[in-house]
């Protein structure tokens, strides 16, 4: 048993020396970069945020709603949460913004809290504004509603 382990270790060490001794070939590595590392590219223009204030349909159950407006300059940190100016329970009447879900007022043990749960405080952790941009990758996603209709 010990001899077999010793032989396999010697074989691995010998193989590693053989691999290290091979000369490096001048081959190009496949990459997603559009320019060499030593060239500073001009970044593409920023895409415009869809600012329609129209709720978008969710594509799957439990999907966080997307943000239908610009959030540039919104302060969301330990000191303030700009989102809650419109989406808090007390503000939805005059802002007409949807109130945050009751799940955002629950702790890990599903106990209801008087204030927003700390684990749900940073809105952009789950919710994102949508950009008016072309798709970079083709997508054949079908939402649940369409999938259910096609299965009938």
C-alpha atoms as a PDB file:
ATOM      1  CA  UNK A   1       0.000   0.000   0.000  1.00  0.00           C
ATOM      2  CA  UNK A   2       2.778   2.412   0.944  1.00  0.00           C
ATOM      3  CA  UNK A   3       4.722   1.481  -2.181  1.00  0.00           C
ATOM      4  CA  UNK A   4       1.731   2.311  -4.410  1.00  0.00           C
ATOM      5  CA  UNK A   5       1.351   5.735  -2.782  1.00  0.00           C
ATOM      6  CA  UNK A   6       5.071   6.408  -3.145  1.00  0.00           C
ATOM      7  CA  UNK A   7       5.057   5.437  -6.831  1.00  0.00           C
ATOM      8  CA  UNK A   8       2.025   7.668  -7.543  1.00  0.00           C
ATOM      9  CA  UNK A   9       3.665  10.634  -5.753  1.00  0.00           C
ATOM     10  CA  UNK A  10       6.895  10.157  -7.729  1.00  0.00           C
ATOM     11  CA  UNK A  11       4.894   9.961 -10.975  1.00  0.00           C
ATOM     12  CA  UNK A  12       3.017  13.189 -10.166  1.00  0.00           C
ATOM     13  CA  UNK A  13       6.233  15.034  -9.274  1.00  0.00           C
ATOM     14  CA  UNK A  14       7.878  13.829 -12.481  1.00  0.00           C
ATOM     15  CA  UNK A  15       4.852  14.891 -14.539  1.00  0.00           C
ATOM     16  CA  UNK A  16       4.797  18.336 -12.955  1.00  0.00           C
ATOM     17  CA  UNK A  17       8.496  18.865 -13.771  1.00  0.00           C
ATOM     18  CA  UNK A  18       7.789  17.784 -17.345  1.00  0.00           C
ATOM     19  CA  UNK A  19       4.922  20.290 -17.692  1.00  0.00           C
ATOM     20  CA  UNK A  20       6.995  23.102 -16.171  1.00  0.00           C
ATOM     21  CA  UNK A  21       9.904  22.377 -18.541  1.00  0.00           C
ATOM     22  CA  UNK A  22       7.806  22.805 -21.725  1.00  0.00           C
ATOM     23  CA  UNK A  23       8.435  26.107 -23.509  1.00  0.00           C
ATOM     24  CA  UNK A  24       5.609  28.670 -23.459  1.00  0.00           C
ATOM     25  CA  UNK A  25       3.897  28.865 -26.824  1.00  0.00           C
ATOM     26  CA  UNK A  26       2.991  32.242 -28.285  1.00  0.00           C
ATOM     27  CA  UNK A  27      -0.782  31.660 -28.455  1.00  0.00           C
ATOM     28  CA  UNK A  28      -3.543  34.185 -28.014  1.00  0.00           C
ATOM     29  CA  UNK A  29      -5.832  33.532 -25.085  1.00  0.00           C
ATOM     30  CA  UNK A  30      -9.542  33.782 -25.808  1.00  0.00           C
ATOM     31  CA  UNK A  31     -10.917  36.863 -24.072  1.00  0.00           C
ATOM     32  CA  UNK A  32     -13.953  39.102 -23.877  1.00  0.00           C
ATOM     33  CA  UNK A  33     -11.812  42.250 -23.861  1.00  0.00           C
ATOM     34  CA  UNK A  34     -12.304  44.543 -26.827  1.00  0.00           C
ATOM     35  CA  UNK A  35      -8.868  46.165 -26.596  1.00  0.00           C
ATOM     36  CA  UNK A  36      -5.398  45.207 -25.404  1.00  0.00           C
ATOM     37  CA  UNK A  37      -4.555  45.894 -21.770  1.00  0.00           C
ATOM     38  CA  UNK A  38      -2.213  48.758 -22.644  1.00  0.00           C
ATOM     39  CA  UNK A  39      -4.870  50.711 -24.608  1.00  0.00           C
ATOM     40  CA  UNK A  40      -7.330  52.991 -22.796  1.00  0.00           C
ATOM     41  CA  UNK A  41     -10.742  52.593 -24.469  1.00  0.00           C
ATOM     42  CA  UNK A  42     -13.439  55.237 -24.478  1.00  0.00           C
ATOM     43  CA  UNK A  43     -16.356  53.764 -22.531  1.00  0.00           C
ATOM     44  CA  UNK A  44     -19.725  53.532 -24.273  1.00  0.00           C
ATOM     45  CA  UNK A  45     -22.289  56.235 -23.534  1.00  0.00           C
ATOM     46  CA  UNK A  46     -24.486  55.644 -20.493  1.00  0.00           C
ATOM     47  CA  UNK A  47     -27.915  54.294 -21.388  1.00  0.00           C
ATOM     48  CA  UNK A  48     -30.996  56.326 -20.522  1.00  0.00           C
ATOM     49  CA  UNK A  49     -33.083  55.160 -17.584  1.00  0.00           C
ATOM     50  CA  UNK A  50     -36.720  54.450 -18.392  1.00  0.00           C
ATOM     51  CA  UNK A  51     -38.539  57.185 -16.471  1.00  0.00           C
ATOM     52  CA  UNK A  52     -42.172  56.400 -17.213  1.00  0.00           C
ATOM     53  CA  UNK A  53     -43.460  55.839 -13.651  1.00  0.00           C
ATOM     54  CA  UNK A  54     -45.535  52.981 -15.091  1.00  0.00           C
ATOM     55  CA  UNK A  55     -45.442  49.709 -13.179  1.00  0.00           C
ATOM     56  CA  UNK A  56     -43.972  46.907 -15.247  1.00  0.00           C
ATOM     57  CA  UNK A  57     -45.335  43.380 -15.265  1.00  0.00           C
ATOM     58  CA  UNK A  58     -43.263  40.862 -13.346  1.00  0.00           C
ATOM     59  CA  UNK A  59     -41.831  37.954 -15.286  1.00  0.00           C
ATOM     60  CA  UNK A  60     -41.883  35.327 -12.541  1.00  0.00           C
ATOM     61  CA  UNK A  61     -43.437  34.780  -9.093  1.00  0.00           C
ATOM     62  CA  UNK A  62     -41.676  36.560  -6.232  1.00  0.00           C
ATOM     63  CA  UNK A  63     -39.699  38.787  -8.631  1.00  0.00           C
ATOM     64  CA  UNK A  64     -38.867  42.093  -6.951  1.00  0.00           C
ATOM     65  CA  UNK A  65     -40.623  44.921  -8.789  1.00  0.00           C
ATOM     66  CA  UNK A  66     -38.376  46.992 -11.017  1.00  0.00           C
ATOM     67  CA  UNK A  67     -37.968  50.721 -10.377  1.00  0.00           C
ATOM     68  CA  UNK A  68     -39.908  52.625 -13.103  1.00  0.00           C
ATOM     69  CA  UNK A  69     -38.171  55.959 -12.566  1.00  0.00           C
ATOM     70  CA  UNK A  70     -34.749  57.564 -12.218  1.00  0.00           C
ATOM     71  CA  UNK A  71     -32.985  57.206  -8.887  1.00  0.00           C
ATOM     72  CA  UNK A  72     -29.875  59.261  -9.692  1.00  0.00           C
ATOM     73  CA  UNK A  73     -28.729  61.047  -6.569  1.00  0.00           C
ATOM     74  CA  UNK A  74     -30.969  59.062  -4.208  1.00  0.00           C
ATOM     75  CA  UNK A  75     -29.351  58.674  -0.819  1.00  0.00           C
ATOM     76  CA  UNK A  76     -29.721  55.142   0.490  1.00  0.00           C
ATOM     77  CA  UNK A  77     -27.237  54.565   3.291  1.00  0.00           C
ATOM     78  CA  UNK A  78     -27.208  54.064   7.045  1.00  0.00           C
ATOM     79  CA  UNK A  79     -28.363  57.651   7.642  1.00  0.00           C
ATOM     80  CA  UNK A  80     -31.202  58.012   5.115  1.00  0.00           C
ATOM     81  CA  UNK A  81     -33.338  56.114   2.629  1.00  0.00           C
ATOM     82  CA  UNK A  82     -34.739  58.445  -0.053  1.00  0.00           C
ATOM     83  CA  UNK A  83     -37.024  55.683  -1.395  1.00  0.00           C
ATOM     84  CA  UNK A  84     -39.040  55.730   1.805  1.00  0.00           C
ATOM     85  CA  UNK A  85     -40.059  59.372   1.267  1.00  0.00           C
ATOM     86  CA  UNK A  86     -42.598  58.120  -1.267  1.00  0.00           C
ATOM     87  CA  UNK A  87     -42.968  54.390  -0.527  1.00  0.00           C
ATOM     88  CA  UNK A  88     -43.459  54.511   3.267  1.00  0.00           C
ATOM     89  CA  UNK A  89     -46.917  53.675   4.637  1.00  0.00           C
ATOM     90  CA  UNK A  90     -47.499  57.267   5.683  1.00  0.00           C
ATOM     91  CA  UNK A  91     -46.534  58.720   2.287  1.00  0.00           C
ATOM     92  CA  UNK A  92     -48.358  56.549  -0.229  1.00  0.00           C
ATOM     93  CA  UNK A  93     -51.601  58.507   0.081  1.00  0.00           C
ATOM     94  CA  UNK A  94     -50.252  61.765  -1.264  1.00  0.00           C
ATOM     95  CA  UNK A  95     -47.446  60.370  -3.493  1.00  0.00           C
ATOM     96  CA  UNK A  96     -49.562  57.589  -5.064  1.00  0.00           C
ATOM     97  CA  UNK A  97     -46.460  55.382  -4.962  1.00  0.00           C
ATOM     98  CA  UNK A  98     -46.978  51.729  -4.025  1.00  0.00           C
ATOM     99  CA  UNK A  99     -46.214  50.942  -0.399  1.00  0.00           C
ATOM    100  CA  UNK A 100     -43.306  48.608   0.273  1.00  0.00           C
ATOM    101  CA  UNK A 101     -44.410  45.045   0.881  1.00  0.00           C
ATOM    102  CA  UNK A 102     -45.265  43.934   4.410  1.00  0.00           C
ATOM    103  CA  UNK A 103     -42.423  41.414   4.062  1.00  0.00           C
ATOM    104  CA  UNK A 104     -40.041  44.380   4.339  1.00  0.00           C
ATOM    105  CA  UNK A 105     -41.271  44.864   7.924  1.00  0.00           C
ATOM    106  CA  UNK A 106     -40.502  41.291   9.019  1.00  0.00           C
ATOM    107  CA  UNK A 107     -37.399  39.928  10.703  1.00  0.00           C
ATOM    108  CA  UNK A 108     -35.793  36.552   9.974  1.00  0.00           C
ATOM    109  CA  UNK A 109     -38.242  34.776  12.322  1.00  0.00           C
ATOM    110  CA  UNK A 110     -41.247  36.388  10.506  1.00  0.00           C
ATOM    111  CA  UNK A 111     -42.034  38.710  13.421  1.00  0.00           C
ATOM    112  CA  UNK A 112     -43.496  42.051  12.329  1.00  0.00           C
ATOM    113  CA  UNK A 113     -41.475  45.155  13.136  1.00  0.00           C
ATOM    114  CA  UNK A 114     -42.658  48.742  13.549  1.00  0.00           C
ATOM    115  CA  UNK A 115     -39.996  49.973  11.110  1.00  0.00           C
ATOM    116  CA  UNK A 116     -38.368  48.704   7.942  1.00  0.00           C
ATOM    117  CA  UNK A 117     -36.300  45.576   8.556  1.00  0.00           C
ATOM    118  CA  UNK A 118     -32.547  46.218   8.420  1.00  0.00           C
ATOM    119  CA  UNK A 119     -32.126  43.316   5.980  1.00  0.00           C
ATOM    120  CA  UNK A 120     -34.578  44.998   3.569  1.00  0.00           C
ATOM    121  CA  UNK A 121     -33.347  48.570   4.033  1.00  0.00           C
ATOM    122  CA  UNK A 122     -31.081  48.852   0.962  1.00  0.00           C
ATOM    123  CA  UNK A 123     -33.651  48.872  -1.840  1.00  0.00           C
ATOM    124  CA  UNK A 124     -31.284  48.568  -4.804  1.00  0.00           C
ATOM    125  CA  UNK A 125     -30.031  45.289  -3.407  1.00  0.00           C
ATOM    126  CA  UNK A 126     -33.097  43.694  -5.058  1.00  0.00           C
ATOM    127  CA  UNK A 127     -34.838  46.443  -7.044  1.00  0.00           C
ATOM    128  CA  UNK A 128     -33.244  48.018 -10.109  1.00  0.00           C
ATOM    129  CA  UNK A 129     -34.138  50.807 -12.530  1.00  0.00           C
ATOM    130  CA  UNK A 130     -34.539  49.709 -16.139  1.00  0.00           C
ATOM    131  CA  UNK A 131     -32.435  51.041 -18.985  1.00  0.00           C
ATOM    132  CA  UNK A 132     -33.497  51.817 -22.528  1.00  0.00           C
ATOM    133  CA  UNK A 133     -30.753  49.628 -23.968  1.00  0.00           C
ATOM    134  CA  UNK A 134     -30.419  46.984 -26.635  1.00  0.00           C
ATOM    135  CA  UNK A 135     -29.964  43.422 -25.478  1.00  0.00           C
ATOM    136  CA  UNK A 136     -26.369  42.268 -25.476  1.00  0.00           C
ATOM    137  CA  UNK A 137     -27.344  38.597 -25.441  1.00  0.00           C
ATOM    138  CA  UNK A 138     -30.322  36.987 -27.136  1.00  0.00           C
ATOM    139  CA  UNK A 139     -32.916  35.692 -24.704  1.00  0.00           C
ATOM    140  CA  UNK A 140     -35.757  33.215 -25.216  1.00  0.00           C
ATOM    141  CA  UNK A 141     -37.249  33.690 -21.726  1.00  0.00           C
ATOM    142  CA  UNK A 142     -40.997  33.036 -21.456  1.00  0.00           C
ATOM    143  CA  UNK A 143     -42.879  34.427 -18.469  1.00  0.00           C
ATOM    144  CA  UNK A 144     -44.995  32.180 -16.246  1.00  0.00           C
ATOM    145  CA  UNK A 145     -48.337  33.506 -17.526  1.00  0.00           C
ATOM    146  CA  UNK A 146     -47.454  32.759 -21.161  1.00  0.00           C
ATOM    147  CA  UNK A 147     -46.057  29.387 -20.174  1.00  0.00           C
ATOM    148  CA  UNK A 148     -49.319  28.476 -18.385  1.00  0.00           C
ATOM    149  CA  UNK A 149     -51.430  29.597 -21.376  1.00  0.00           C
ATOM    150  CA  UNK A 150     -49.330  27.519 -23.786  1.00  0.00           C
ATOM    151  CA  UNK A 151     -49.658  24.392 -21.626  1.00  0.00           C
ATOM    152  CA  UNK A 152     -53.483  24.341 -21.917  1.00  0.00           C
END
